[in-house]
Amino acid sequence: MTRKFNIKDAKPGDMLVANNPDDSLAHKWLVLSNHCEDEYMGRYVEVYIMYSQSPHEERFSFYYTSFNGQTYQRMDWRLEQC
């Protein structure tokens, strides 16, 4: 797995795209905001879900620490900047 960007670099309007190991599309998320922060877990990103291989709500947020963890990193992520 290679991630060619740091999640801290994502800006509103950018697209986060993830592919499964078999190269099929896993997620396509539009960044709504970044550098949000809460006192418990730190900084996080809010996204609008354009496509997800599993059912979710329209909006989703995730912490930097969880994005850099093993679950998310099983997929090949790329950042499409606008």
Protein backbone atom coordinates (compact mmCIF):
# COMPACT_ATOMS: atom_id res chain seq x y z
CA MET A 1 0.00 0.00 0.00
CA THR A 2 1.24 3.42 -0.86
CA ARG A 3 -0.28 6.63 0.23
CA LYS A 4 1.15 9.44 -1.82
CA PHE A 5 -0.05 12.23 0.48
CA ASN A 6 -0.47 13.24 4.11
CA ILE A 7 -4.08 13.53 5.28
CA LYS A 8 -3.18 16.89 6.81
CA ASP A 9 -2.72 18.21 3.24
CA ALA A 10 -6.34 17.54 2.18
CA LYS A 11 -8.33 20.72 1.56
CA PRO A 12 -12.07 21.31 1.23
CA GLY A 13 -13.08 20.36 -2.31
CA ASP A 14 -10.39 17.68 -2.65
CA MET A 15 -11.40 14.09 -3.32
CA LEU A 16 -10.12 11.12 -1.30
CA VAL A 17 -10.23 7.97 -3.40
CA ALA A 18 -9.47 4.46 -2.14
CA ASN A 19 -9.04 1.26 -4.08
CA ASN A 20 -9.17 -2.28 -2.73
CA PRO A 21 -6.19 -4.61 -3.17
CA ASP A 22 -7.88 -5.99 -6.33
CA ASP A 23 -7.93 -2.38 -7.68
CA SER A 24 -11.74 -2.03 -7.47
CA LEU A 25 -13.12 1.27 -6.15
CA ALA A 26 -13.69 1.17 -2.39
CA HIS A 27 -14.44 4.79 -1.44
CA LYS A 28 -14.73 8.20 -3.02
CA TRP A 29 -15.11 11.01 -0.51
CA LEU A 30 -15.31 14.77 -1.01
CA VAL A 31 -13.47 16.68 1.72
CA LEU A 32 -15.80 19.17 3.41
CA SER A 33 -13.41 20.39 6.10
CA ASN A 34 -10.06 19.51 7.55
CA HIS A 35 -8.10 20.43 10.67
CA CYS A 36 -11.23 20.22 12.83
CA GLU A 37 -10.31 19.29 16.37
CA ASP A 38 -11.79 17.87 19.53
CA GLU A 39 -10.13 17.60 22.92
CA TYR A 40 -10.32 13.81 23.13
CA MET A 41 -8.93 12.42 19.85
CA GLY A 42 -7.35 15.44 18.17
CA ARG A 43 -7.70 16.58 14.59
CA TYR A 44 -10.17 15.12 12.15
CA VAL A 45 -11.54 15.42 8.60
CA GLU A 46 -15.19 15.69 7.56
CA VAL A 47 -16.21 14.26 4.19
CA TYR A 48 -19.27 13.89 1.99
CA ILE A 49 -19.57 10.34 0.73
CA MET A 50 -19.75 10.23 -3.06
CA TYR A 51 -19.31 6.44 -3.14
CA SER A 52 -18.72 3.77 -0.51
CA GLN A 53 -18.58 0.00 -0.89
CA SER A 54 -20.41 -0.30 2.42
CA PRO A 55 -23.57 1.56 3.43
CA HIS A 56 -22.93 4.77 5.38
CA GLU A 57 -24.59 8.07 5.92
CA GLU A 58 -24.02 10.88 3.45
CA ARG A 59 -21.44 12.51 5.71
CA PHE A 60 -18.61 10.94 7.66
CA SER A 61 -15.69 12.13 9.76
CA PHE A 62 -12.48 10.41 10.80
CA TYR A 63 -9.50 11.27 12.97
CA TYR A 64 -5.98 11.57 11.58
CA THR A 65 -4.83 8.81 13.93
CA SER A 66 -7.50 6.37 12.72
CA PHE A 67 -6.82 7.19 9.05
CA ASN A 68 -3.15 6.38 9.56
CA GLY A 69 -4.06 3.12 11.32
CA GLN A 70 -4.23 -0.39 9.91
CA THR A 71 -7.93 -0.47 8.93
CA TYR A 72 -7.83 2.44 6.49
CA GLN A 73 -4.38 1.58 5.22
CA ARG A 74 -5.48 -1.78 3.81
CA MET A 75 -6.64 0.20 0.80
CA ASP A 76 -4.62 2.27 -1.64
CA TRP A 77 -5.59 5.91 -1.04
CA ARG A 78 -4.91 8.84 -3.29
CA LEU A 79 -5.74 12.52 -3.03
CA GLU A 80 -7.22 14.29 -6.05
CA GLN A 81 -6.65 17.97 -5.38
CA CYS A 82 -8.76 20.64 -6.98
